[in-house]
Amino acid sequence: MKLIECVPNISEGRDKNKIDRIVRAAQNCGVKILNVDAGLDANRTVITFAGAPEKVFDAAFALVQKSCELIDMRAHNGTHPRLGAADVCPFIPLRETAMRDCVDIALKLAAKVSAELQIPVYLYEEAAATPERKNLAFIRKGGYESLPQKLKELPPDFGPPDFSPAVQKSGALITGARNFLIAFNVTLNTTDVEKAKQIAAVLRSKLKAVKALGWAAPQYNAAQVSFNLTDYKTTPLYDVYETCKSEAAKLGLEVKGSEIIGLVPEAALVRAGKKYLSGDGVCRSKEQKINAAVTALNLNLHAPFRPAEKIIERVLL
């Protein structure tokens, strides 16, 4: 059976009632909700669900529709860059599914959202119409506050190019198709956001297939370096973490630990654990490698890391 994953990010991370209603809108379409990860400081929730292509499409539209109904971007604030109530909605190929299938669903969603909800829609990654639009950061630069000018200078791929009262409330949607991405935050022993941004800038230039930014995390009384690993096989988790530690040390800082937002492939943790255990010469089981990765990366720093709830292959069972 064909299986597609969808990971919409909505601009609400504080109001549990709104988040629950948005999640239910998707769930009622017959998909399996794999993970819901709300961030207070980012004021953003990452929702992960999977299912057959037609059900994933219906769920994505229902989620976008409910998000735009419940979230007013005119009153939104948070540390994470965002462009709309349903900010970004990527589709990821899983079982028996090609990237082209995900591109087709993204295009279909963009057409339906723009026609029925009158929301501007941008396409990114594998669904992008031009090379520069493949980059999410390029489209989202300046955030919601830049949208009035952005709609003029960077017209949406679908939908109205004007900042109407409806668009003022909803913002714009970004949708597309991509491979699996790991959202990984590293927490520093400082509240100095400028130093976190400085580390992020260095790592963006040093590491391949990694996007990084620094931000404040008042919930943790700390600053964080937030990463998107767009290809964890090219640059694995341990490389990101250890390089971040090295750059932090140059500034007289320490890394306290990390967190994974949403889900992570089992292979990414196994590879990290294998690296951290490589010096003892003992053959280890898969579970031992995963446990070693959780310990070395201190993934339990902010909340217990439960493999059954955070590893995508296990959640899909």
Protein backbone atom coordinates (compact mmCIF):
# COMPACT_ATOMS: atom_id res chain seq x y z
CA MET A 1 0.00 0.00 0.00
CA LYS A 2 1.25 3.47 -0.89
CA LEU A 3 2.11 5.57 2.14
CA ILE A 4 2.89 9.28 2.32
CA GLU A 5 3.96 11.35 5.30
CA CYS A 6 2.87 14.94 5.81
CA VAL A 7 4.50 17.31 8.33
CA PRO A 8 2.54 20.56 8.51
CA ASN A 9 3.86 23.29 10.81
CA ILE A 10 1.17 25.58 12.20
CA SER A 11 1.64 28.98 13.83
CA GLU A 12 0.17 28.01 17.18
CA GLY A 13 2.08 26.41 20.02
CA ARG A 14 0.39 27.73 23.15
CA ASP A 15 -3.35 27.20 22.89
CA LYS A 16 -3.91 23.46 23.38
CA ASN A 17 -7.60 23.68 22.48
CA LYS A 18 -6.80 25.21 19.08
CA ILE A 19 -4.02 22.71 18.44
CA ASP A 20 -6.30 19.78 19.32
CA ARG A 21 -9.05 21.04 17.01
CA ILE A 22 -6.60 21.44 14.13
CA VAL A 23 -5.16 17.96 14.70
CA ARG A 24 -8.67 16.45 14.83
CA ALA A 25 -9.54 18.07 11.52
CA ALA A 26 -6.74 16.06 9.91
CA GLN A 27 -7.37 12.90 11.92
CA ASN A 28 -11.03 12.82 10.90
CA CYS A 29 -9.90 12.29 7.30
CA GLY A 30 -8.57 8.82 8.14
CA VAL A 31 -4.83 9.44 8.52
CA LYS A 32 -2.72 8.23 11.41
CA ILE A 33 -1.40 11.00 13.65
CA LEU A 34 2.21 10.07 14.39
CA ASN A 35 3.38 13.00 16.47
CA VAL A 36 2.31 16.42 17.73
CA ASP A 37 5.16 18.60 18.99
CA ALA A 38 4.19 22.05 20.30
CA GLY A 39 6.75 24.73 21.11
CA LEU A 40 5.81 27.54 23.49
CA ASP A 41 8.60 29.95 22.58
CA ALA A 42 8.39 29.28 18.86
CA ASN A 43 4.57 29.47 19.17
CA ARG A 44 4.50 26.73 16.58
CA THR A 45 3.40 23.11 16.41
CA VAL A 46 4.87 20.42 14.19
CA ILE A 47 2.24 17.81 13.32
CA THR A 48 3.18 14.54 11.65
CA PHE A 49 0.67 12.19 10.04
CA ALA A 50 0.73 9.48 7.40
CA GLY A 51 -1.65 7.48 5.26
CA ALA A 52 -2.74 6.66 1.74
CA PRO A 53 -2.17 9.52 -0.73
CA GLU A 54 -5.84 10.47 -1.11
CA LYS A 55 -6.41 10.53 2.65
CA VAL A 56 -3.23 12.54 3.25
CA PHE A 57 -4.39 15.10 0.70
CA ASP A 58 -7.82 15.42 2.34
CA ALA A 59 -6.22 15.69 5.79
CA ALA A 60 -3.76 18.35 4.65
CA PHE A 61 -6.53 20.50 3.21
CA ALA A 62 -8.69 20.08 6.31
CA LEU A 63 -5.75 21.06 8.52
CA VAL A 64 -4.96 24.16 6.46
CA GLN A 65 -8.62 25.17 6.46
CA LYS A 66 -9.01 24.75 10.22
CA SER A 67 -5.69 26.53 10.92
CA CYS A 68 -6.76 29.55 8.91
CA GLU A 69 -10.11 29.55 10.71
CA LEU A 70 -8.62 29.44 14.23
CA ILE A 71 -5.31 31.31 13.93
CA ASP A 72 -5.08 35.06 13.39
CA MET A 73 -1.63 35.97 12.09
CA ARG A 74 -2.20 39.64 12.93
CA ALA A 75 -1.84 38.72 16.60
CA HIS A 76 0.82 36.02 16.26
CA ASN A 77 4.27 36.26 17.80
CA GLY A 78 7.00 33.66 18.26
CA THR A 79 10.71 33.01 17.75
CA HIS A 80 10.36 30.80 14.67
CA PRO A 81 10.19 32.31 11.16
CA ARG A 82 6.69 31.94 9.69
CA LEU A 83 4.58 33.18 6.80
CA GLY A 84 1.10 31.93 7.64
CA ALA A 85 -1.32 30.18 9.98
CA ALA A 86 -0.57 26.91 8.23
CA ASP A 87 3.00 27.94 7.54
CA VAL A 88 4.56 25.02 5.71
CA CYS A 89 3.05 21.70 4.59
CA PRO A 90 5.56 19.28 3.04
CA PHE A 91 4.81 15.79 1.69
CA ILE A 92 7.40 13.03 2.08
CA PRO A 93 7.44 9.71 0.19
CA LEU A 94 7.37 6.61 2.38
CA ARG A 95 6.25 3.13 1.34
CA GLU A 96 5.80 2.40 -2.39
CA THR A 97 5.70 6.12 -3.14
CA ALA A 98 7.82 8.22 -5.47
CA MET A 99 8.76 11.88 -5.02
CA ARG A 100 6.61 12.67 -8.07
CA ASP A 101 3.55 11.43 -6.17
CA CYS A 102 4.28 13.94 -3.42
CA VAL A 103 4.86 16.76 -5.89
CA ASP A 104 1.48 16.02 -7.47
CA ILE A 105 -0.26 16.18 -4.08
CA ALA A 106 1.48 19.48 -3.24
CA LEU A 107 0.31 20.97 -6.54
CA LYS A 108 -3.21 19.68 -5.95
CA LEU A 109 -3.24 21.15 -2.43
CA ALA A 110 -1.95 24.50 -3.68
CA ALA A 111 -4.71 24.67 -6.31
CA LYS A 112 -7.49 23.75 -3.87
CA VAL A 113 -6.32 26.05 -1.06
CA SER A 114 -5.93 29.03 -3.38
CA ALA A 115 -9.27 28.45 -5.10
CA GLU A 116 -11.43 27.62 -2.10
CA LEU A 117 -9.75 29.55 0.72
CA GLN A 118 -8.35 32.45 -1.32
CA ILE A 119 -4.93 32.05 0.28
CA PRO A 120 -1.64 32.74 -1.52
CA VAL A 121 0.46 29.59 -1.87
CA TYR A 122 4.19 29.21 -2.53
CA LEU A 123 5.78 25.98 -3.75
CA TYR A 124 9.18 24.84 -2.48
CA GLU A 125 11.73 22.02 -2.61
CA GLU A 126 10.88 19.40 -5.27
CA ALA A 127 7.64 21.18 -6.23
CA ALA A 128 9.32 24.55 -6.80
CA ALA A 129 8.86 26.20 -10.19
CA THR A 130 12.26 27.95 -10.10
CA PRO A 131 15.62 27.02 -8.50
CA GLU A 132 15.62 29.84 -5.93
CA ARG A 133 12.17 28.85 -4.69
CA LYS A 134 13.43 25.41 -3.72
CA ASN A 135 14.89 27.03 -0.60
CA LEU A 136 12.30 27.52 2.15
CA ALA A 137 14.40 30.27 3.74
CA PHE A 138 14.32 32.25 0.49
CA ILE A 139 10.53 32.20 0.38
CA ARG A 140 10.03 32.82 4.09
CA LYS A 141 12.66 35.57 4.48
CA GLY A 142 11.22 38.47 6.44
CA GLY A 143 8.36 36.39 7.83
CA TYR A 144 4.71 37.34 7.96
CA GLU A 145 5.64 40.99 8.47
CA SER A 146 7.20 41.06 4.98
CA LEU A 147 4.17 39.52 3.28
CA PRO A 148 2.57 42.73 1.91
CA GLN A 149 5.76 43.56 -0.01
CA LYS A 150 6.61 39.93 -0.74
CA LEU A 151 3.33 39.35 -2.55
CA LYS A 152 4.29 42.16 -4.94
CA GLU A 153 7.96 41.32 -5.41
CA LEU A 154 7.69 37.53 -5.18
CA PRO A 155 4.20 36.65 -6.45
CA PRO A 156 2.75 33.39 -5.12
CA ASP A 157 2.62 30.33 -7.34
CA PHE A 158 -1.09 30.04 -6.68
CA GLY A 159 -3.72 32.36 -5.27
CA PRO A 160 -4.20 36.10 -4.78
CA PRO A 161 -1.13 38.37 -4.85
CA ASP A 162 -2.77 41.04 -2.72
CA PHE A 163 -2.71 41.53 1.05
CA SER A 164 -6.48 41.45 1.51
CA PRO A 165 -8.15 41.40 4.96
CA ALA A 166 -8.53 37.61 4.62
CA VAL A 167 -4.84 37.19 3.79
CA GLN A 168 -3.90 39.50 6.65
CA LYS A 169 -5.53 36.96 8.97
CA SER A 170 -4.34 33.75 7.31
CA GLY A 171 -0.97 34.71 5.90
CA ALA A 172 0.39 32.50 3.13
CA LEU A 173 0.90 28.74 2.82
CA ILE A 174 4.13 27.11 1.64
CA THR A 175 3.80 23.55 0.37
CA GLY A 176 6.01 21.13 -1.50
CA ALA A 177 7.66 17.72 -1.53
CA ARG A 178 10.94 16.73 0.08
CA ASN A 179 12.91 13.91 1.61
CA PHE A 180 12.92 13.24 5.35
CA LEU A 181 14.21 16.15 7.43
CA ILE A 182 15.40 16.06 11.05
CA ALA A 183 14.57 19.11 13.16
CA PHE A 184 17.25 19.23 15.84
CA ASN A 185 17.74 21.91 18.52
CA VAL A 186 20.92 22.21 20.57
CA THR A 187 20.64 24.03 23.91
CA LEU A 188 23.47 26.25 25.14
CA ASN A 189 24.40 27.23 28.70
CA THR A 190 23.62 30.87 27.95
CA THR A 191 20.68 33.11 27.18
CA ASP A 192 22.81 35.16 24.76
CA VAL A 193 20.95 34.85 21.45
CA GLU A 194 23.66 36.69 19.51
CA LYS A 195 26.17 33.97 20.39
CA ALA A 196 23.70 31.30 19.30
CA LYS A 197 23.27 33.15 15.99
CA GLN A 198 27.05 33.37 15.64
CA ILE A 199 27.40 29.61 16.08
CA ALA A 200 24.56 29.00 13.63
CA ALA A 201 26.26 31.13 10.98
CA VAL A 202 29.52 29.20 11.33
CA LEU A 203 27.78 25.83 11.06
CA ARG A 204 25.77 26.91 8.02
CA SER A 205 29.06 27.56 6.24
CA LYS A 206 30.86 24.47 7.56
CA LEU A 207 28.30 21.70 7.18
CA LYS A 208 26.56 20.40 4.09
CA ALA A 209 22.80 19.78 3.96
CA VAL A 210 22.28 21.71 7.20
CA LYS A 211 20.24 24.85 7.86
CA ALA A 212 20.78 26.64 11.15
CA LEU A 213 19.63 29.65 13.12
CA GLY A 214 20.01 30.91 16.66
CA TRP A 215 17.11 31.91 18.86
CA ALA A 216 15.97 32.45 22.41
CA ALA A 217 14.26 29.65 24.35
CA PRO A 218 12.87 31.39 27.47
CA GLN A 219 10.99 28.21 28.35
CA TYR A 220 14.39 26.60 29.00
CA ASN A 221 16.09 29.80 30.21
CA ALA A 222 18.60 29.35 27.41
CA ALA A 223 19.51 30.15 23.84
CA GLN A 224 19.42 27.41 21.21
CA VAL A 225 20.96 26.67 17.86
CA SER A 226 18.16 25.21 15.76
CA PHE A 227 19.03 22.92 12.85
CA ASN A 228 17.25 21.35 9.94
CA LEU A 229 19.21 18.36 8.67
CA THR A 230 17.98 18.06 5.08
CA ASP A 231 20.12 14.99 4.41
CA TYR A 232 21.17 13.22 7.61
CA LYS A 233 23.18 10.68 5.58
CA THR A 234 25.43 13.46 4.26
CA THR A 235 25.76 15.23 7.62
CA PRO A 236 24.77 12.97 10.54
CA LEU A 237 23.44 14.05 13.92
CA TYR A 238 26.73 13.52 15.75
CA ASP A 239 28.62 15.77 13.31
CA VAL A 240 26.13 18.58 13.90
CA TYR A 241 26.22 18.12 17.68
CA GLU A 242 30.00 17.82 18.02
CA THR A 243 30.67 20.75 15.67
CA CYS A 244 28.21 22.83 17.64
CA LYS A 245 30.06 21.89 20.86
CA SER A 246 33.39 22.90 19.33
CA GLU A 247 32.12 26.28 18.14
CA ALA A 248 30.42 26.93 21.48
CA ALA A 249 33.67 26.18 23.31
CA LYS A 250 35.46 28.81 21.20
CA LEU A 251 33.04 31.35 22.67
CA GLY A 252 33.53 30.04 26.21
CA LEU A 253 30.17 28.23 26.17
CA GLU A 254 29.01 24.68 26.71
CA VAL A 255 26.29 22.60 25.10
CA LYS A 256 23.79 21.33 27.67
CA GLY A 257 22.01 18.85 25.42
CA SER A 258 19.55 18.68 22.56
CA GLU A 259 16.05 17.82 21.43
CA ILE A 260 14.48 16.39 18.30
CA ILE A 261 11.32 18.13 17.14
CA GLY A 262 8.90 15.67 15.58
CA LEU A 263 10.23 12.31 14.48
CA VAL A 264 13.60 10.85 13.56
CA PRO A 265 14.60 7.87 11.38
CA GLU A 266 15.95 4.93 13.35
CA ALA A 267 19.06 4.80 11.14
CA ALA A 268 20.07 8.34 12.19
CA LEU A 269 20.21 7.36 15.88
CA VAL A 270 21.83 4.00 15.21
CA ARG A 271 24.58 5.70 13.21
CA ALA A 272 25.16 8.25 15.96
CA GLY A 273 25.29 5.57 18.66
CA LYS A 274 27.70 3.48 16.61
CA LYS A 275 30.00 6.49 16.31
CA TYR A 276 29.95 7.20 20.04
CA LEU A 277 30.58 3.53 20.87
CA SER A 278 33.26 2.95 18.24
CA GLY A 279 36.18 3.28 20.65
CA ASP A 280 35.37 0.35 22.93
CA GLY A 281 35.73 -2.39 20.31
CA VAL A 282 32.59 -4.20 21.52
CA CYS A 283 29.85 -5.31 19.14
CA ARG A 284 26.64 -3.61 20.24
CA SER A 285 22.98 -4.24 19.53
CA LYS A 286 20.76 -1.76 17.73
CA GLU A 287 19.05 -0.81 20.99
CA GLN A 288 22.36 -0.21 22.70
CA LYS A 289 23.42 2.09 19.87
CA ILE A 290 20.16 4.03 20.10
CA ASN A 291 20.55 4.37 23.87
CA ALA A 292 24.14 5.52 23.41
CA ALA A 293 23.00 8.21 20.96
CA VAL A 294 20.27 9.42 23.33
CA THR A 295 22.82 9.66 26.16
CA ALA A 296 25.64 11.28 24.15
CA LEU A 297 23.34 13.85 22.55
CA ASN A 298 21.53 14.31 25.89
CA LEU A 299 18.16 14.05 24.16
CA ASN A 300 16.49 13.71 27.56
CA LEU A 301 17.47 17.23 28.57
CA HIS A 302 14.05 18.87 28.19
CA ALA A 303 11.73 15.86 28.08
CA PRO A 304 12.11 12.09 28.19
CA PHE A 305 13.13 10.73 24.79
CA ARG A 306 11.00 7.64 24.19
CA PRO A 307 12.08 5.72 21.06
CA ALA A 308 8.60 4.21 20.64
CA GLU A 309 7.18 7.73 20.30
CA LYS A 310 10.03 9.51 18.47
CA ILE A 311 11.39 7.00 15.92
CA ILE A 312 9.26 7.09 12.79
CA GLU A 313 9.51 3.40 11.94
CA ARG A 314 8.22 2.46 15.40
CA VAL A 315 5.41 4.99 15.39
CA LEU A 316 4.25 3.64 12.02
CA LEU A 317 3.86 0.10 13.37
